Structure formats: structure tokens, C-alpha cells
Protein backbone atom coordinates (compact mmCIF):
# COMPACT_ATOMS: atom_id res chain seq x y z
CA MET A 1 -33.43 -46.49 -13.88
CA ALA A 2 -29.74 -46.26 -12.10
CA ASP A 3 -28.89 -43.65 -14.76
CA THR A 4 -31.34 -41.38 -14.10
CA GLU A 5 -31.42 -41.67 -10.15
CA SER A 6 -27.87 -41.33 -10.41
CA VAL A 7 -28.44 -38.06 -12.45
CA ASP A 8 -31.09 -36.55 -10.37
CA THR A 9 -28.58 -37.79 -6.86
CA HIS A 10 -26.15 -35.52 -9.14
CA ASP A 11 -28.44 -32.63 -9.97
CA THR A 12 -29.35 -32.12 -6.66
CA SER A 13 -26.09 -32.18 -5.61
CA ASN A 14 -25.31 -29.39 -7.50
CA ASP A 15 -28.34 -27.24 -6.40
CA ALA A 16 -26.75 -27.82 -2.52
CA ASN A 17 -23.74 -26.45 -3.63
CA GLU A 18 -25.25 -23.82 -6.07
CA ASP A 19 -27.26 -22.21 -2.55
CA PRO A 20 -26.00 -19.21 -1.94
CA LEU A 21 -27.79 -19.20 1.65
CA GLN A 22 -25.88 -21.64 3.14
CA ASP A 23 -22.87 -19.64 2.80
CA LEU A 24 -24.33 -16.53 4.74
CA SER A 25 -24.44 -16.12 8.32
CA ASP A 26 -27.54 -15.70 10.92
CA GLU A 27 -26.99 -11.60 10.84
CA GLU A 28 -26.54 -11.69 7.03
CA LEU A 29 -29.76 -13.57 6.91
CA TYR A 30 -31.82 -11.32 9.21
CA GLN A 31 -30.76 -8.70 7.23
CA LEU A 32 -31.87 -10.19 3.99
CA VAL A 33 -35.33 -10.83 5.62
CA GLU A 34 -35.89 -7.27 6.90
CA ASP A 35 -34.82 -6.01 3.21
CA THR A 36 -37.26 -8.42 2.21
CA ILE A 37 -40.10 -7.22 4.23
CA ARG A 38 -39.39 -4.00 3.48
CA ALA A 39 -39.25 -4.76 -0.08
CA ASN A 40 -42.73 -6.70 0.25
CA GLU A 41 -44.29 -3.39 2.32
CA VAL A 42 -43.38 -1.29 -0.74
CA LEU A 43 -44.81 -3.63 -3.04
CA GLY A 44 -47.66 -3.36 -1.29
CA THR A 45 -48.32 0.26 -1.20
CA GLU A 46 -47.70 0.03 -4.81
CA THR A 47 -49.99 -2.88 -5.45
CA LEU A 48 -52.70 -0.82 -3.43
CA MET A 49 -51.98 2.22 -5.45
CA PHE A 50 -52.41 0.22 -8.43
CA GLU A 51 -55.64 -1.45 -7.22
CA LYS A 52 -57.02 2.26 -6.71
CA TYR A 53 -56.03 3.48 -10.05
CA LEU A 54 -57.65 0.18 -11.89
CA GLU A 55 -60.86 0.84 -9.45
CA ARG A 56 -60.98 4.42 -10.73
CA VAL A 57 -60.11 4.18 -14.31
CA GLU A 58 -61.50 0.43 -14.89
CA PRO A 59 -64.30 -0.18 -12.77
CA LYS A 60 -66.51 -2.16 -14.61
CA ASP A 61 -63.75 -4.58 -15.72
CA LEU A 62 -62.97 -4.94 -11.70
CA ALA A 63 -66.97 -5.24 -10.66
CA GLY A 64 -67.46 -7.76 -13.40
CA ILE A 65 -64.83 -10.19 -12.22
CA SER A 66 -65.21 -9.66 -8.29
CA ALA A 67 -69.15 -10.38 -9.50
CA GLY A 68 -68.24 -13.24 -10.82
CA THR A 69 -65.74 -14.92 -8.08
CA GLY A 70 -67.64 -13.26 -5.77
CA ALA A 71 -64.82 -11.62 -4.23
CA THR A 72 -63.57 -8.29 -3.04
CA PRO A 73 -61.53 -6.36 -5.65
CA SER A 74 -58.16 -7.18 -3.11
CA GLN A 75 -58.98 -10.79 -3.30
CA SER A 76 -59.55 -10.47 -6.99
CA SER A 77 -56.40 -8.46 -7.39
CA GLN A 78 -54.60 -10.85 -5.02
CA ASP A 79 -55.83 -13.62 -7.42
CA LEU A 80 -55.03 -12.21 -10.45
CA VAL A 81 -50.96 -11.84 -9.34
CA ARG A 82 -51.54 -15.53 -8.37
CA ARG A 83 -52.20 -16.24 -11.36
CA VAL A 84 -49.60 -14.23 -12.82
CA ASP A 85 -46.99 -15.32 -10.67
CA ARG A 86 -48.06 -19.03 -11.98
CA LYS A 87 -47.70 -18.13 -15.33
CA ARG A 88 -44.43 -16.56 -14.70
CA SER A 89 -43.40 -19.88 -12.67
CA LYS A 90 -44.70 -22.11 -15.89
CA SER A 91 -43.03 -20.11 -18.67
CA ARG A 92 -39.83 -19.56 -17.27
CA SER A 93 -39.75 -16.66 -19.94
CA SER A 94 -38.67 -13.12 -19.03
CA ASN A 95 -40.06 -11.03 -22.18
CA ILE A 96 -43.53 -11.92 -20.24
CA ASP A 97 -42.03 -11.08 -16.77
CA LYS A 98 -40.87 -7.40 -18.42
CA SER A 99 -44.41 -7.25 -20.00
CA LEU A 100 -45.99 -8.23 -16.51
CA ARG A 101 -43.95 -5.44 -14.37
CA LEU A 102 -44.77 -1.48 -14.80
CA THR A 103 -41.88 0.94 -15.61
CA ALA A 104 -41.08 3.68 -13.59
CA GLU A 105 -42.79 6.72 -15.61
CA GLN A 106 -45.91 4.44 -15.62
CA LYS A 107 -45.35 4.05 -11.62
CA CYS A 108 -44.41 8.15 -11.49
CA ASP A 109 -47.63 9.01 -13.53
CA ILE A 110 -49.78 6.53 -11.44
CA ALA A 111 -48.56 8.14 -8.13
CA GLN A 112 -48.86 11.83 -9.52
CA LYS A 113 -52.40 10.83 -10.48
CA GLU A 114 -53.19 9.49 -7.40
CA ILE A 115 -51.37 12.30 -5.58
CA GLU A 116 -54.12 15.10 -7.44
CA GLU A 117 -57.06 12.79 -6.56
CA LEU A 118 -56.05 12.98 -2.52
CA ARG A 119 -54.98 16.67 -3.24
CA GLU A 120 -58.73 16.82 -4.71
CA ASP A 121 -60.37 15.28 -1.97
CA ILE A 122 -58.56 17.08 0.26
CA ASP A 123 -60.13 20.33 -1.58
CA LYS A 124 -63.36 18.59 -1.01
CA LEU A 125 -63.16 18.42 2.42
CA LYS A 126 -61.33 21.89 3.00
CA ASP A 127 -64.70 23.10 0.84
CA ALA A 128 -67.16 21.00 3.10
CA SER A 129 -65.34 21.87 5.92
CA GLU A 130 -65.84 25.49 5.63
CA ASN A 131 -69.14 25.07 4.94
CA ILE A 132 -70.17 23.03 7.76
CA LEU A 133 -68.04 25.87 9.74
CA ASP A 134 -70.48 28.84 7.88
CA THR A 135 -73.28 26.89 9.08
CA TYR A 136 -72.42 26.78 12.54
CA LYS A 137 -71.70 30.24 12.61
CA ALA A 138 -75.07 31.14 10.89
CA LEU A 139 -76.48 29.13 13.88
CA MET A 140 -74.17 30.70 16.65
CA GLU A 141 -74.96 34.35 14.80
CA GLU A 142 -78.23 33.69 14.90
CA ALA A 143 -78.83 32.04 18.10
CA ASP A 144 -77.35 35.11 19.75
CA LEU A 145 -79.63 37.13 18.07
CA ARG A 146 -82.46 35.14 19.18
CA LEU A 147 -81.04 35.52 23.04
CA THR A 148 -81.01 38.89 22.12
CA GLU A 149 -84.22 39.73 20.92
CA THR A 150 -85.65 37.30 23.90
CA LYS A 151 -84.07 39.34 26.70
CA LYS A 152 -85.00 42.89 24.85
CA GLU A 153 -89.02 41.23 24.38
CA ARG A 154 -88.28 39.95 28.42
CA TYR A 155 -87.14 43.49 30.00
CA GLU A 156 -90.02 45.19 27.93
CA PHE A 157 -92.89 42.85 28.99
CA ASP A 158 -91.81 43.26 32.41
CA ARG A 159 -91.70 46.60 31.48
CA ASP A 160 -94.81 47.25 30.17
CA ILE A 161 -96.74 44.47 31.85
CA MET A 162 -95.91 42.98 35.10
CA LYS A 163 -94.79 46.50 36.79
CA GLY A 164 -98.33 47.53 36.34
CA ALA A 165 -99.34 44.07 38.15
CA GLY A 166 -99.65 45.38 41.60
CA GLY A 167 -103.28 43.40 43.02
CA SER A 168 -106.50 42.01 41.92
CA GLN A 169 -108.05 44.50 41.41
CA GLN A 170 -105.61 45.33 37.93
CA ALA A 171 -106.14 42.00 37.01
CA LYS A 172 -108.62 42.37 34.29
CA VAL A 173 -106.20 45.47 33.07
CA VAL A 174 -103.44 43.57 32.83
CA ALA A 175 -104.78 40.85 31.32
CA GLU A 176 -106.00 43.05 28.61
CA LYS A 177 -102.20 44.32 28.62
CA VAL A 178 -101.02 40.74 27.31
CA VAL A 179 -103.47 40.25 24.68
CA ARG A 180 -102.65 43.69 23.12
CA TYR A 181 -99.07 43.09 23.72
CA PHE A 182 -99.06 39.40 22.18
CA GLU A 183 -101.16 40.79 19.20
CA ASP A 184 -99.15 43.71 18.89
CA ARG A 185 -95.73 41.37 18.86
CA ILE A 186 -97.99 38.84 16.53
CA LYS A 187 -98.55 41.88 13.98
CA SER A 188 -94.97 42.83 14.17
CA ARG A 189 -94.15 39.21 13.16
CA ASP A 190 -96.30 39.31 10.48
CA THR A 191 -95.39 42.17 9.19
CA LEU A 192 -91.34 40.93 9.23
CA ILE A 193 -92.23 37.55 7.72
CA GLU A 194 -93.42 39.37 4.78
CA LYS A 195 -90.64 41.79 4.61
CA LEU A 196 -88.37 38.59 4.41
CA ARG A 197 -90.74 36.78 2.12
CA LEU A 198 -90.47 39.70 -0.41
CA LYS A 199 -86.66 40.03 0.39
CA ASN A 200 -87.03 36.10 -0.64
CA ALA A 201 -88.11 35.90 -3.26
CA THR A 202 -86.14 39.46 -4.57
CA LEU A 203 -82.99 37.28 -3.83
CA LYS A 204 -84.69 34.22 -6.02
CA VAL A 205 -85.26 36.60 -9.07
CA GLN A 206 -81.59 37.61 -8.63
CA LYS A 207 -80.23 33.81 -8.27
CA LYS A 208 -81.83 32.97 -11.10
CA LYS A 209 -80.55 35.79 -13.14
CA LEU A 210 -76.90 35.50 -11.81
CA HIS A 211 -77.71 31.28 -12.99
CA LEU A 212 -78.58 32.50 -16.23
CA GLN A 213 -75.95 34.60 -16.82
CA LEU A 214 -73.31 32.02 -15.60
CA LYS A 215 -74.92 30.11 -18.43
CA GLN A 216 -74.57 32.45 -21.06
CA LYS A 217 -70.96 32.11 -20.03
CA GLU A 218 -70.54 28.66 -19.72
CA GLU A 219 -71.62 28.45 -23.47
CA MET A 220 -69.70 31.64 -24.72
CA GLY A 221 -66.46 30.46 -23.10
CA GLU A 222 -65.66 33.30 -20.47
CA VAL A 223 -65.73 31.39 -17.43
CA LEU A 224 -62.68 31.35 -15.54
CA HIS A 225 -60.46 27.95 -14.95
CA GLU A 226 -58.39 26.69 -12.10
CA VAL A 227 -55.66 28.13 -13.92
CA ASP A 228 -56.85 31.66 -13.86
CA PHE A 229 -57.64 31.50 -10.42
CA ASN A 230 -54.41 30.67 -9.49
CA GLN A 231 -53.49 33.73 -11.51
CA LEU A 232 -55.59 35.57 -9.78
CA ARG A 233 -54.72 34.24 -6.19
CA ILE A 234 -50.71 35.20 -7.11
CA GLU A 235 -52.05 38.94 -8.37
CA ASN A 236 -54.07 39.27 -5.00
CA GLN A 237 -50.80 38.04 -3.01
CA GLN A 238 -48.87 40.38 -5.06
CA TYR A 239 -51.66 43.24 -4.50
CA LEU A 240 -51.29 42.36 -0.96
CA GLU A 241 -47.99 42.54 -0.47
CA LYS A 242 -48.08 46.44 -1.97
CA ILE A 243 -51.42 46.85 0.25
CA ASP A 244 -49.14 46.53 3.01
CA GLU A 245 -46.12 48.23 1.65
CA ARG A 246 -48.54 51.38 1.22
CA ASN A 247 -50.20 51.08 4.71
CA LYS A 248 -46.80 51.10 6.43
CA ASP A 249 -45.98 54.21 3.95
CA LEU A 250 -49.20 55.48 5.10
CA LEU A 251 -48.62 55.16 8.96
CA ASN A 252 -45.02 56.61 8.91
CA LEU A 253 -46.67 59.53 7.01
CA LYS A 254 -49.23 59.74 9.78
CA GLN A 255 -46.91 59.80 12.75
CA MET A 256 -44.78 62.15 10.86
CA ALA A 257 -47.81 64.06 9.77
CA GLY A 258 -48.70 64.01 14.07
CA SER A 259 -45.33 65.15 15.13
CA THR A 260 -45.55 68.07 12.47
CA THR A 261 -49.20 69.01 13.76
CA GLN A 262 -47.52 69.17 16.98
CA VAL A 263 -44.85 71.59 16.09
CA LEU A 264 -47.56 73.88 14.36
CA ASN A 265 -49.76 74.11 17.14
CA THR A 266 -47.04 75.10 18.84
CA TYR A 267 -46.28 77.93 16.75
CA LYS A 268 -49.99 78.76 16.63
CA LYS A 269 -50.29 79.41 20.00
CA LYS A 270 -46.85 81.22 20.21
CA LEU A 271 -48.37 83.18 16.88
CA SER A 272 -51.68 83.75 19.36
CA THR A 273 -49.46 84.96 21.96
CA LEU A 274 -48.05 87.01 19.97
CA THR A 275 -51.11 88.41 18.68
CA LEU A 276 -52.80 89.58 21.65
CA GLU A 277 -49.44 90.67 22.73
CA SER A 278 -49.02 93.29 19.55
CA GLU A 279 -53.06 94.07 19.54
CA ARG A 280 -52.37 95.83 23.28
CA LEU A 281 -49.10 97.41 22.29
CA LYS A 282 -51.41 98.78 19.35
CA SER A 283 -54.41 100.31 21.95
CA GLU A 284 -51.35 101.02 24.47
CA ILE A 285 -49.77 103.46 21.37
CA THR A 286 -52.91 104.79 20.12
CA SER A 287 -53.69 105.53 23.65
CA ARG A 288 -49.96 107.47 24.07
CA ASN A 289 -50.46 109.18 20.94
CA ASP A 290 -54.10 110.76 21.93
CA LEU A 291 -51.96 111.51 25.36
CA LEU A 292 -49.02 113.11 23.37
CA GLN A 293 -51.60 115.06 21.25
CA ARG A 294 -53.23 116.79 24.03
CA ILE A 295 -49.97 117.40 25.64
CA ASP A 296 -48.82 119.16 22.33
CA ALA A 297 -52.01 121.19 22.52
CA GLU A 298 -51.72 122.09 25.90
CA THR A 299 -48.51 123.04 25.24
CA LYS A 300 -49.03 125.14 22.61
CA VAL A 301 -51.67 127.19 24.54
CA VAL A 302 -49.38 127.81 27.57
CA GLU A 303 -46.50 128.81 24.57
CA ASP A 304 -49.42 131.48 23.61
CA GLU A 305 -49.85 132.20 26.83
CA ARG A 306 -46.66 132.93 27.78
CA ALA A 307 -45.34 135.08 24.53
CA LYS A 308 -48.50 137.13 25.42
CA ALA A 309 -47.84 137.45 29.33
CA GLU A 310 -44.08 138.33 28.19
CA LYS A 311 -45.30 140.67 25.44
CA ARG A 312 -46.74 142.76 28.17
CA ASN A 313 -44.43 142.42 30.70
CA ARG A 314 -41.91 144.03 28.28
CA LYS A 315 -44.63 146.86 27.60
CA LEU A 316 -44.92 147.15 31.14
CA ARG A 317 -41.28 147.76 31.98
CA GLN A 318 -40.94 149.70 29.08
CA GLN A 319 -43.45 152.20 30.49
CA LEU A 320 -41.87 152.02 33.48
CA ALA A 321 -38.32 152.89 31.90
CA ASP A 322 -39.95 155.75 30.32
CA TYR A 323 -41.63 156.59 33.55
CA ARG A 324 -41.40 160.85 35.15
CA VAL A 325 -41.98 162.06 38.02
CA PRO A 326 -45.38 163.00 38.26
CA GLU A 327 -47.65 165.26 40.48
CA VAL A 328 -47.75 164.35 44.29
CA MET A 329 -51.67 164.01 43.33
CA GLU A 330 -50.72 162.05 40.59
CA TYR A 331 -47.46 159.88 42.17
CA VAL A 332 -50.19 159.39 44.69
CA GLY A 333 -52.33 157.59 41.99
CA GLU A 334 -49.40 156.28 40.03
CA LYS A 335 -47.80 154.27 43.21
CA ALA A 336 -51.62 152.71 43.46
CA ASP A 337 -51.52 152.46 40.13
CA LEU A 338 -47.77 151.06 40.26
CA TYR A 339 -49.22 148.63 43.32
CA GLU A 340 -51.81 147.28 41.39
CA LEU A 341 -49.34 146.73 38.11
CA GLN A 342 -46.99 145.00 40.35
CA LYS A 343 -49.17 143.08 42.24
CA LYS A 344 -50.62 141.75 38.78
CA VAL A 345 -46.84 141.49 37.57
CA LYS A 346 -46.34 138.92 40.27
CA SER A 347 -49.42 137.13 39.40
CA TRP A 348 -48.38 136.75 36.24
CA GLU A 349 -45.33 135.89 36.82
CA ARG A 350 -46.28 133.51 39.01
CA LYS A 351 -48.65 132.16 36.30
CA VAL A 352 -45.48 131.87 34.37
CA GLU A 353 -43.84 129.77 36.76
CA ILE A 354 -46.72 127.65 37.28
CA ALA A 355 -46.65 127.69 33.37
CA ASP A 356 -43.15 126.95 32.93
CA MET A 357 -43.01 123.77 35.63
CA ALA A 358 -46.17 122.67 33.69
CA LEU A 359 -44.36 122.67 30.91
CA ARG A 360 -41.21 120.81 32.18
CA THR A 361 -43.28 118.52 33.67
CA HIS A 362 -45.10 117.88 30.12
CA ARG A 363 -41.71 117.61 28.46
CA LYS A 364 -40.59 115.13 30.68
CA THR A 365 -43.87 113.17 30.47
CA TRP A 366 -43.05 113.56 26.64
CA GLN A 367 -39.55 112.45 26.55
CA GLN A 368 -40.48 109.40 28.95
CA MET A 369 -43.14 108.44 26.63
CA LYS A 370 -40.73 108.39 23.23
CA ILE A 371 -38.41 106.22 24.73
CA SER A 372 -41.15 104.21 26.49
CA SER A 373 -42.67 104.01 23.03
CA HIS A 374 -39.16 103.40 20.97
CA GLN A 375 -38.43 100.43 23.30
CA MET A 376 -41.99 98.79 23.09
CA ALA A 377 -41.61 99.69 19.21
CA ASN A 378 -38.16 97.67 19.51
CA GLN A 379 -39.76 94.75 21.34
CA PHE A 380 -42.58 94.73 18.61
CA HIS A 381 -39.88 94.04 15.81
CA LEU A 382 -38.00 91.32 17.85
CA MET A 383 -41.13 89.66 18.48
CA GLU A 384 -42.15 90.13 14.92
CA ALA A 385 -38.25 88.83 13.93
CA HIS A 386 -38.54 85.72 15.99
């Protein structure tokens, strides 16, 4: 007995000497406790994740355990962990310890599956929230439509019925109008209900056809999977980027087209102004040509008359040169004739002078018209060149 006691005291003294916590300071012990708490938190998180994984993968086993013990799944898992700890403390075997721990790959697989499950739950929540939002939007639109219809009906009722209700004499007429008004409204509602019923029946038939088509595609294996939807989403994003680029190019082209249109409108205005000026100049040239033709005709007539007058004047001068002294009575007669002829000559000379003056005036006018027509032609050519 003494030997055993000595052995025990020796063992206890060795355990006390081999305890590593005695050599640590307070700060080191505090840091060790903090690290242990964080490690326990990590282990608790891993345990909860593993419990969720087990509940999803093997719910029957956990349900049987929890039903047999009358505890919750978390309590049963804690009992399992305690039993494992007891076995580990009893067996003191490293092989069993290794077999009870999860490897890093297994932890990563469990975490990945939990992340996928969370993503699926998030997607479901998003779909549910979008459906709720769509429902609320539809309800708001329906309420707006009903409010608009109510305001319209109130306005029509006030316009058709209430304005005519002036006194007690017209009460009967107003009552008949009200009854007729509501009968018409009920008939219109009935017709609208019938139209909507027919439309609903048509939509149900279309829905049934689409379900049949979808079922046939599912049987034939033509239904799109998530990978196809992701590929379509990527292609849709690429096409949207291309559409944005094309829209930018289209905007630039529209701006260029707008500036080009402005320049074109400016040139069109100039062209219309020049066209009007050209038409005016053409009409003026035509009038001047007509005037020139008339002047040429008058000049030709005056030249003919002048030639005739000169010919007659020469004849008369020749006769004067060939004059011989006649008898007294003949002289008197000839003298009288001479006076008459001199008067005629003076009148003709006066006419010739007037014709010459007219000719000079017409020639001067003709020269001025030629100069002005040349100037206008030069201006027109310069305008056409610009």
C-alpha cells in the first residue's frame, strides 16, 4: 500500500510539473482563452451547418433519434457529440479520433452545398417578392382604372342627370332618367362581363395548349435547363451592349443628319432665292427683247422714210439745178410752186430732223439696253457659278 501511495504521489507530482498552463502569464492565458472561444464559435458554426446538412440529407434518421429521445435535433446532435467525446475519452485511440473528424474536402463540400441551398432560397424569395410586387402593381393599376372609371361615371351622371334636376316638377323625369341611366350601365356591364368571359375562355384554351406543348417538349427533352438560361442571359447581355453601341452610333448619325439637314435647308433657301431672281431676270430680258424688236422695226421704218425723203430731195435739187428762166407768168407760177416746194422741203427736212433725233434717241436707248442686258447676263452667270 505504501508503494502504491508513493507511486501515486510521484505521478501527481509529475503531472503538476508537466502542466504547461502554470508557466503562462495572465495575458497569455487571456489570449489563449480568446483563441479557444473563437475556435469554439467556428466549431459551433460548423456544427450548425453540419446539422442542417444532416437534416436535409438524412431527415428520417434524425427524426427517429429525436422522436425516441424526445429531444430536438440540436439536442440529439449535442448528445451524439457527447457520446462521441465519451468514447474518445474512453478509447484513447487516434484512429477513432481521425475517423470521427471531417476532412477539409468534406467541410468544403458541405459548405458549398449549403451555399447552393442558400442561393436557391434567395432566388425563391426573390421570385416570391417579385410575384408579390407584380400583384401589388396590378392591384394599384386596377385601383387607378376603377378610380378613373368612377370619376368618369360621376362626371357623366352629374352632366346627364343632376343638371336637369332643377325643381320638384322635374323629379319624375329625373327619376326616370336615373332608372334608364342605371339600366344602360347594367347592360354595358353585362356586355363587358360577357366579353371578358369569352376572353378568359380563350386564354384558358391557349394556356392548355401551351401546357401541352411544354409537356411534349419535356417528354422530347427540348426543355431548356439552367445552363441554357445562363448562356441566353450572357448572349442577351452581349446583344444589349451591341444595341447600346448601335444606339450611340445612331445618335451620332442623327446629329450629323441634323447638321446636314440644316446646311441643306440653307442651300435650298439660297437656291429658291436665286431661282426667283432668275425668273425675274428672264422675264425682264424677254420684255427688253420685245422692246428692242419694236425699236428695230420703228428704226427700219424711219430709215425707209429717210431714204425716200433723201431721194425726193435729190430729185428736187436736180430739178432746181436744171432750172431755166421761164416767162414772167411762168416765172410767177414757178415761183409760187417754188415757194410751195420750199415749204414742203422745210417740212420734210423738219420731219427728217425729227426722225434723226428719234433715231439717235432709239440708238442711245438700244446701247443702254445692250449694256444693261450684258451686265445682267454677267450677274446671272456669276450667281449660277456661286
